[in-house]
């Protein structure tokens, strides 16, 4: 059952914007959704409206939603996950922005998610790929593999959340808004200290230049006015250039952009002769699988990955069982 019809919706403040997409952004920000969710929902709602020749969604309903989703599936050939993502954006628009009840909600078909095993690299493949990377990008890749953090979690790492004394890292606002603690690999102690020295030089230059501080979540900027300029809240991996905050319009120092690591991984994978499809998330998959191979229990791996349900973590046990759960092929038994 959808979360939209489980219980009565709490009252929302009236929208101040008059344009549909601005209203969508306003409601998303009020509910503290991420900037990535905002971009995704705006993209799908814009496409939905344009596909129906700029007809206002308030004048449309189940038939128009189904026609759009059929076009995505049949003409665009989108994956089931993309299909569900587009539907989620449209339903959010109707329920949260237009405040229109959806009696036809449960009648909208949802494609079943495909169960696919994650790509996992061997330790040798990991070593070859990491050896072909250098600088802070190599350090970031090693940190993702060594801790199991997601790419966005590694990029958003703050100085205050690295604890050298306890050899731990606090991952703030992970998926689902949860915090967790992961290990700080001993081999990365020195490199991270060196990275912090480089980051501090950038932080000092920003303070000397009188630039705005880094972005802070929620209302922390109002609660702690000087926190954004403080060293403890600075990024471990700051971007070498300034950028404009898409929500506030303020030009400030952001963390490294994910595209830098993605390009570096793609290049290293090609040079290493690895034929598997590899992304930054593959490092997380490999971390989990290698821990299980080393004998760690599934609950420990679940906590380190930040999975709310152990069934999500169980996918890695399937990776370990590739080849018939360890059974010997009759061809090899001759």
Protein backbone atom coordinates (compact mmCIF):
# COMPACT_ATOMS: atom_id res chain seq x y z
CA UNK A 1 0.00 0.00 0.00
CA UNK A 2 1.29 3.46 -0.83
CA UNK A 3 2.30 5.84 1.91
CA UNK A 4 -0.18 8.33 0.44
CA UNK A 5 -3.30 6.47 1.53
CA UNK A 6 -2.18 4.95 4.81
CA UNK A 7 -3.35 7.84 6.94
CA UNK A 8 -4.54 11.41 6.76
CA UNK A 9 -1.96 13.88 5.47
CA UNK A 10 -0.76 16.47 8.01
CA UNK A 11 -1.59 20.07 7.27
CA UNK A 12 0.90 21.93 5.07
CA UNK A 13 1.45 25.69 4.96
CA UNK A 14 -0.10 27.39 1.90
CA UNK A 15 2.15 27.63 -1.14
CA UNK A 16 3.60 31.05 -1.89
CA UNK A 17 4.67 30.41 -5.48
CA UNK A 18 2.32 30.70 -8.44
CA UNK A 19 4.21 28.68 -11.07
CA UNK A 20 3.75 24.91 -10.95
CA UNK A 21 7.40 23.89 -10.91
CA UNK A 22 8.21 26.55 -8.30
CA UNK A 23 5.37 25.19 -6.17
CA UNK A 24 6.84 21.72 -6.57
CA UNK A 25 10.26 22.94 -5.42
CA UNK A 26 8.70 24.83 -2.52
CA UNK A 27 6.91 21.76 -1.19
CA UNK A 28 9.95 19.50 -1.66
CA UNK A 29 12.09 21.92 0.34
CA UNK A 30 9.47 22.24 3.06
CA UNK A 31 9.56 18.45 3.48
CA UNK A 32 13.40 18.50 3.56
CA UNK A 33 13.87 16.28 0.53
CA UNK A 34 17.36 16.23 -0.96
CA UNK A 35 18.47 18.42 -3.83
CA UNK A 36 18.82 15.27 -5.96
CA UNK A 37 15.20 14.34 -5.31
CA UNK A 38 14.18 17.89 -6.15
CA UNK A 39 15.97 17.78 -9.49
CA UNK A 40 14.53 14.36 -10.30
CA UNK A 41 10.93 15.28 -9.46
CA UNK A 42 11.14 18.58 -11.35
CA UNK A 43 12.52 16.73 -14.38
CA UNK A 44 9.67 14.19 -14.48
CA UNK A 45 6.88 16.67 -13.78
CA UNK A 46 8.18 18.98 -16.50
CA UNK A 47 8.32 16.08 -18.95
CA UNK A 48 4.81 14.95 -17.94
CA UNK A 49 3.34 18.41 -18.56
CA UNK A 50 5.20 18.94 -21.84
CA UNK A 51 4.22 15.51 -23.15
CA UNK A 52 0.59 16.45 -22.61
CA UNK A 53 1.14 19.68 -24.57
CA UNK A 54 1.34 21.94 -21.49
CA UNK A 55 -2.03 20.88 -20.11
CA UNK A 56 -2.17 21.67 -16.40
CA UNK A 57 -2.01 18.50 -14.25
CA UNK A 58 -5.08 19.66 -12.29
CA UNK A 59 -7.07 19.08 -15.48
CA UNK A 60 -5.66 15.58 -15.92
CA UNK A 61 -5.99 12.32 -14.03
CA UNK A 62 -5.54 8.58 -14.16
CA UNK A 63 -5.87 8.23 -17.94
CA UNK A 64 -3.23 10.89 -18.65
CA UNK A 65 -0.83 9.47 -16.07
CA UNK A 66 -1.18 5.96 -17.52
CA UNK A 67 -0.69 7.20 -21.09
CA UNK A 68 2.52 8.96 -20.08
CA UNK A 69 3.84 5.91 -18.25
CA UNK A 70 2.95 3.67 -21.20
CA UNK A 71 4.91 5.99 -23.48
CA UNK A 72 7.91 5.82 -21.16
CA UNK A 73 7.79 2.02 -21.07
CA UNK A 74 6.94 1.31 -24.72
CA UNK A 75 8.55 4.15 -26.64
CA UNK A 76 11.39 5.23 -24.38
CA UNK A 77 12.08 1.73 -23.06
CA UNK A 78 12.84 2.92 -19.53
CA UNK A 79 13.75 0.46 -16.77
CA UNK A 80 11.26 -0.52 -14.05
CA UNK A 81 13.13 1.63 -11.52
CA UNK A 82 12.92 4.68 -13.81
CA UNK A 83 9.23 3.93 -14.39
CA UNK A 84 8.58 3.92 -10.63
CA UNK A 85 10.64 7.07 -10.18
CA UNK A 86 8.54 8.97 -12.72
CA UNK A 87 5.33 7.73 -11.11
CA UNK A 88 6.55 8.80 -7.65
CA UNK A 89 7.24 12.32 -8.93
CA UNK A 90 3.78 12.61 -10.49
CA UNK A 91 2.02 11.26 -7.41
CA UNK A 92 3.96 13.68 -5.21
CA UNK A 93 2.77 16.51 -7.44
CA UNK A 94 -0.89 15.55 -7.13
CA UNK A 95 -0.88 14.77 -3.42
CA UNK A 96 1.55 17.31 -1.96
CA UNK A 97 1.35 20.24 -4.39
CA UNK A 98 -2.07 20.16 -6.01
CA UNK A 99 -3.71 18.61 -2.93
CA UNK A 100 -5.80 16.32 -5.12
CA UNK A 101 -6.95 12.99 -3.71
CA UNK A 102 -6.08 9.95 -5.77
CA UNK A 103 -8.85 7.35 -5.56
CA UNK A 104 -7.32 5.70 -8.63
CA UNK A 105 -3.87 5.41 -7.06
CA UNK A 106 -3.93 1.66 -6.44
CA UNK A 107 -5.14 1.05 -9.99
CA UNK A 108 -1.92 2.42 -11.52
CA UNK A 109 0.31 -0.46 -12.51
CA UNK A 110 3.82 -0.59 -11.07
CA UNK A 111 6.45 -2.72 -12.80
CA UNK A 112 8.14 -5.28 -10.61
CA UNK A 113 11.75 -4.49 -9.79
CA UNK A 114 14.27 -6.76 -11.47
CA UNK A 115 16.42 -8.68 -9.05
CA UNK A 116 19.98 -8.35 -10.24
CA UNK A 117 23.18 -9.38 -8.53
CA UNK A 118 25.57 -6.49 -7.94
CA UNK A 119 28.89 -6.33 -9.76
CA UNK A 120 31.71 -7.27 -7.39
CA UNK A 121 35.42 -6.89 -8.06
CA UNK A 122 38.03 -9.31 -6.82
CA UNK A 123 40.71 -8.02 -4.46
CA UNK A 124 43.19 -8.21 -7.32
CA UNK A 125 40.94 -6.14 -9.58
CA UNK A 126 40.43 -3.57 -6.83
CA UNK A 127 44.19 -3.30 -6.36
CA UNK A 128 44.87 -2.86 -10.08
CA UNK A 129 42.23 -0.16 -10.44
CA UNK A 130 43.28 1.81 -7.36
CA UNK A 131 46.94 1.63 -8.41
CA UNK A 132 46.07 3.49 -11.61
CA UNK A 133 44.50 6.43 -9.75
CA UNK A 134 46.31 9.19 -7.92
CA UNK A 135 45.86 12.22 -5.70
CA UNK A 136 42.74 13.00 -3.71
CA UNK A 137 40.57 11.07 -6.17
CA UNK A 138 42.54 7.89 -5.44
CA UNK A 139 42.16 8.57 -1.72
CA UNK A 140 38.41 9.02 -2.09
CA UNK A 141 38.12 5.74 -4.02
CA UNK A 142 40.16 3.92 -1.36
CA UNK A 143 37.96 5.43 1.35
CA UNK A 144 34.78 4.21 -0.35
CA UNK A 145 36.16 0.70 -0.73
CA UNK A 146 37.70 0.69 2.76
CA UNK A 147 34.56 1.85 4.57
CA UNK A 148 31.62 0.86 2.37
CA UNK A 149 30.37 4.44 2.21
CA UNK A 150 28.20 5.58 -0.65
CA UNK A 151 29.74 8.11 -3.03
CA UNK A 152 27.66 11.02 -1.73
CA UNK A 153 28.51 10.08 1.86
CA UNK A 154 32.23 10.19 1.11
CA UNK A 155 31.98 13.48 -0.77
CA UNK A 156 29.99 15.12 2.05
CA UNK A 157 32.40 14.02 4.77
CA UNK A 158 33.14 16.86 7.23
CA UNK A 159 36.34 17.38 9.21
CA UNK A 160 34.53 16.96 12.55
CA UNK A 161 33.36 13.47 11.62
CA UNK A 162 36.82 11.93 11.24
CA UNK A 163 38.02 10.48 14.56
CA UNK A 164 41.65 9.42 14.40
CA UNK A 165 41.79 8.42 18.08
CA UNK A 166 39.01 5.86 17.74
CA UNK A 167 39.82 5.09 14.09
CA UNK A 168 36.26 5.76 13.06
CA UNK A 169 34.20 7.93 10.75
CA UNK A 170 30.68 9.14 11.50
CA UNK A 171 28.52 9.07 8.38
CA UNK A 172 25.92 11.82 8.76
CA UNK A 173 22.53 11.86 7.08
CA UNK A 174 23.00 8.62 5.17
CA UNK A 175 20.21 7.09 3.12
CA UNK A 176 16.98 7.49 5.04
CA UNK A 177 18.46 10.34 7.07
CA UNK A 178 20.30 7.96 9.42
CA UNK A 179 23.73 8.39 10.99
CA UNK A 180 26.12 5.48 11.43
CA UNK A 181 29.74 4.78 12.34
CA UNK A 182 32.22 3.02 10.06
CA UNK A 183 35.86 2.11 10.51
CA UNK A 184 38.74 4.39 9.50
CA UNK A 185 41.19 2.10 7.67
CA UNK A 186 44.56 2.27 9.39
CA UNK A 187 46.36 2.38 6.05
CA UNK A 188 44.53 5.63 5.24
CA UNK A 189 45.46 7.42 8.48
CA UNK A 190 48.44 9.24 6.97
CA UNK A 191 46.84 10.04 3.59
CA UNK A 192 43.72 11.47 5.24
CA UNK A 193 45.82 13.65 7.54
CA UNK A 194 47.61 14.96 4.44
CA UNK A 195 44.27 15.56 2.72
CA UNK A 196 43.06 17.50 5.75
CA UNK A 197 46.18 19.68 5.53
CA UNK A 198 45.34 20.50 1.90
CA UNK A 199 41.72 21.12 2.81
CA UNK A 200 42.75 23.45 5.64
CA UNK A 201 44.83 25.52 3.24
CA UNK A 202 41.74 25.99 1.06
CA UNK A 203 39.64 26.80 4.13
CA UNK A 204 42.18 29.41 5.28
CA UNK A 205 42.22 31.04 1.84
CA UNK A 206 38.41 31.24 1.87
CA UNK A 207 38.39 32.88 5.29
CA UNK A 208 41.05 35.37 4.24
CA UNK A 209 39.02 36.23 1.14
CA UNK A 210 35.86 36.65 3.22
CA UNK A 211 33.94 34.05 1.26
CA UNK A 212 30.68 32.51 2.57
CA UNK A 213 31.04 29.31 4.54
CA UNK A 214 30.07 25.84 3.39
CA UNK A 215 26.50 24.65 3.11
CA UNK A 216 24.93 23.37 6.34
CA UNK A 217 21.87 21.12 6.61
CA UNK A 218 18.47 22.27 7.80
CA UNK A 219 18.50 25.41 9.98
CA UNK A 220 21.98 25.03 11.48
CA UNK A 221 23.16 28.23 9.82
CA UNK A 222 20.60 30.22 11.82
CA UNK A 223 21.19 28.25 15.01
CA UNK A 224 25.00 28.46 14.76
CA UNK A 225 25.76 31.51 12.58
CA UNK A 226 29.53 30.96 12.54
CA UNK A 227 29.52 27.19 12.04
CA UNK A 228 29.59 27.42 8.23
CA UNK A 229 32.89 29.33 8.42
CA UNK A 230 34.43 27.01 11.01
CA UNK A 231 37.17 24.51 10.22
CA UNK A 232 35.32 21.60 11.87
CA UNK A 233 32.39 21.88 9.45
CA UNK A 234 34.59 22.17 6.37
CA UNK A 235 34.67 19.46 3.70
CA UNK A 236 37.37 16.80 3.83
CA UNK A 237 37.28 16.83 0.02
CA UNK A 238 36.61 20.48 -0.95
CA UNK A 239 36.21 21.45 -4.59
CA UNK A 240 39.12 23.47 -6.02
CA UNK A 241 36.60 25.95 -7.48
CA UNK A 242 33.63 27.89 -6.14
CA UNK A 243 30.07 27.21 -7.27
CA UNK A 244 26.61 28.69 -6.89
CA UNK A 245 24.28 26.99 -4.41
CA UNK A 246 21.25 25.92 -6.52
CA UNK A 247 18.80 26.76 -3.74
CA UNK A 248 20.17 29.89 -2.09
CA UNK A 249 22.05 31.36 -5.06
CA UNK A 250 25.09 31.95 -2.80
CA UNK A 251 28.52 31.37 -4.32
CA UNK A 252 30.49 29.19 -1.93
CA UNK A 253 32.89 26.26 -1.62
CA UNK A 254 31.23 22.94 -2.37
CA UNK A 255 32.74 19.46 -2.00
CA UNK A 256 34.24 17.63 -4.97
CA UNK A 257 31.75 16.73 -7.66
CA UNK A 258 30.95 13.06 -8.20
CA UNK A 259 31.79 13.27 -11.89
CA UNK A 260 35.50 13.60 -11.10
CA UNK A 261 35.62 10.22 -9.40
CA UNK A 262 33.34 8.60 -11.96
CA UNK A 263 35.59 9.69 -14.82
CA UNK A 264 38.72 8.57 -12.97
CA UNK A 265 37.23 5.13 -12.26
CA UNK A 266 36.15 4.67 -15.86
CA UNK A 267 39.64 5.51 -17.09
CA UNK A 268 41.36 3.27 -14.53
CA UNK A 269 39.05 0.34 -15.23
CA UNK A 270 39.84 0.54 -18.96
CA UNK A 271 43.58 0.77 -18.30
CA UNK A 272 43.46 -2.14 -15.84
CA UNK A 273 41.81 -4.37 -18.43
CA UNK A 274 38.78 -5.07 -16.22
CA UNK A 275 35.82 -6.09 -18.36
CA UNK A 276 33.13 -5.79 -15.68
CA UNK A 277 30.80 -2.76 -15.55
CA UNK A 278 32.30 -0.70 -12.71
CA UNK A 279 31.05 2.44 -10.97
CA UNK A 280 31.78 4.11 -7.65
CA UNK A 281 29.02 2.00 -6.10
CA UNK A 282 30.87 -1.14 -7.15
CA UNK A 283 33.45 -0.28 -4.48
CA UNK A 284 30.70 -0.48 -1.85
CA UNK A 285 29.47 -3.81 -3.23
CA UNK A 286 33.02 -5.16 -3.15
CA UNK A 287 33.54 -3.94 0.44
CA UNK A 288 30.47 -5.85 1.64
CA UNK A 289 31.29 -9.04 -0.26
CA UNK A 290 34.92 -9.09 0.86
CA UNK A 291 33.88 -8.64 4.51
CA UNK A 292 31.55 -11.63 4.24
CA UNK A 293 34.30 -13.64 2.56
CA UNK A 294 36.53 -12.80 5.52
CA UNK A 295 34.02 -14.31 7.94
CA UNK A 296 32.19 -11.26 9.29
CA UNK A 297 28.54 -11.89 10.12
CA UNK A 298 25.70 -10.43 8.10
CA UNK A 299 24.49 -8.17 10.93
CA UNK A 300 27.87 -6.46 11.20
CA UNK A 301 27.93 -5.84 7.46
CA UNK A 302 24.35 -4.57 7.63
CA UNK A 303 25.27 -1.97 10.26
CA UNK A 304 28.36 -0.83 8.38
CA UNK A 305 26.37 -0.39 5.17
CA UNK A 306 23.51 1.37 6.95
CA UNK A 307 20.80 -0.98 5.67
CA UNK A 308 17.56 -0.77 7.65
CA UNK A 309 16.55 -4.28 6.60
CA UNK A 310 18.94 -7.22 6.66
CA UNK A 311 17.22 -8.62 3.56
CA UNK A 312 18.90 -5.82 1.58
CA UNK A 313 22.30 -6.97 2.82
CA UNK A 314 21.50 -10.60 2.02
CA UNK A 315 22.03 -9.88 -1.69
CA UNK A 316 25.77 -10.18 -1.04
CA UNK A 317 25.38 -13.71 0.25
CA UNK A 318 23.91 -14.55 -3.15
CA UNK A 319 27.04 -13.16 -4.78
CA UNK A 320 29.15 -15.48 -2.61
CA UNK A 321 26.99 -18.41 -3.68
CA UNK A 322 27.40 -17.84 -7.41
CA UNK A 323 28.04 -21.18 -9.01
CA UNK A 324 25.29 -23.22 -7.39
CA UNK A 325 25.89 -22.46 -3.69
CA UNK A 326 29.31 -24.01 -3.81
CA UNK A 327 28.11 -27.22 -5.48
CA UNK A 328 30.54 -28.95 -7.81
CA UNK A 329 29.62 -29.13 -11.46
CA UNK A 330 29.17 -32.71 -12.72
CA UNK A 331 31.51 -31.78 -15.55
CA UNK A 332 34.28 -31.29 -12.98
CA UNK A 333 33.44 -34.49 -11.13
CA UNK A 334 34.57 -36.84 -13.88
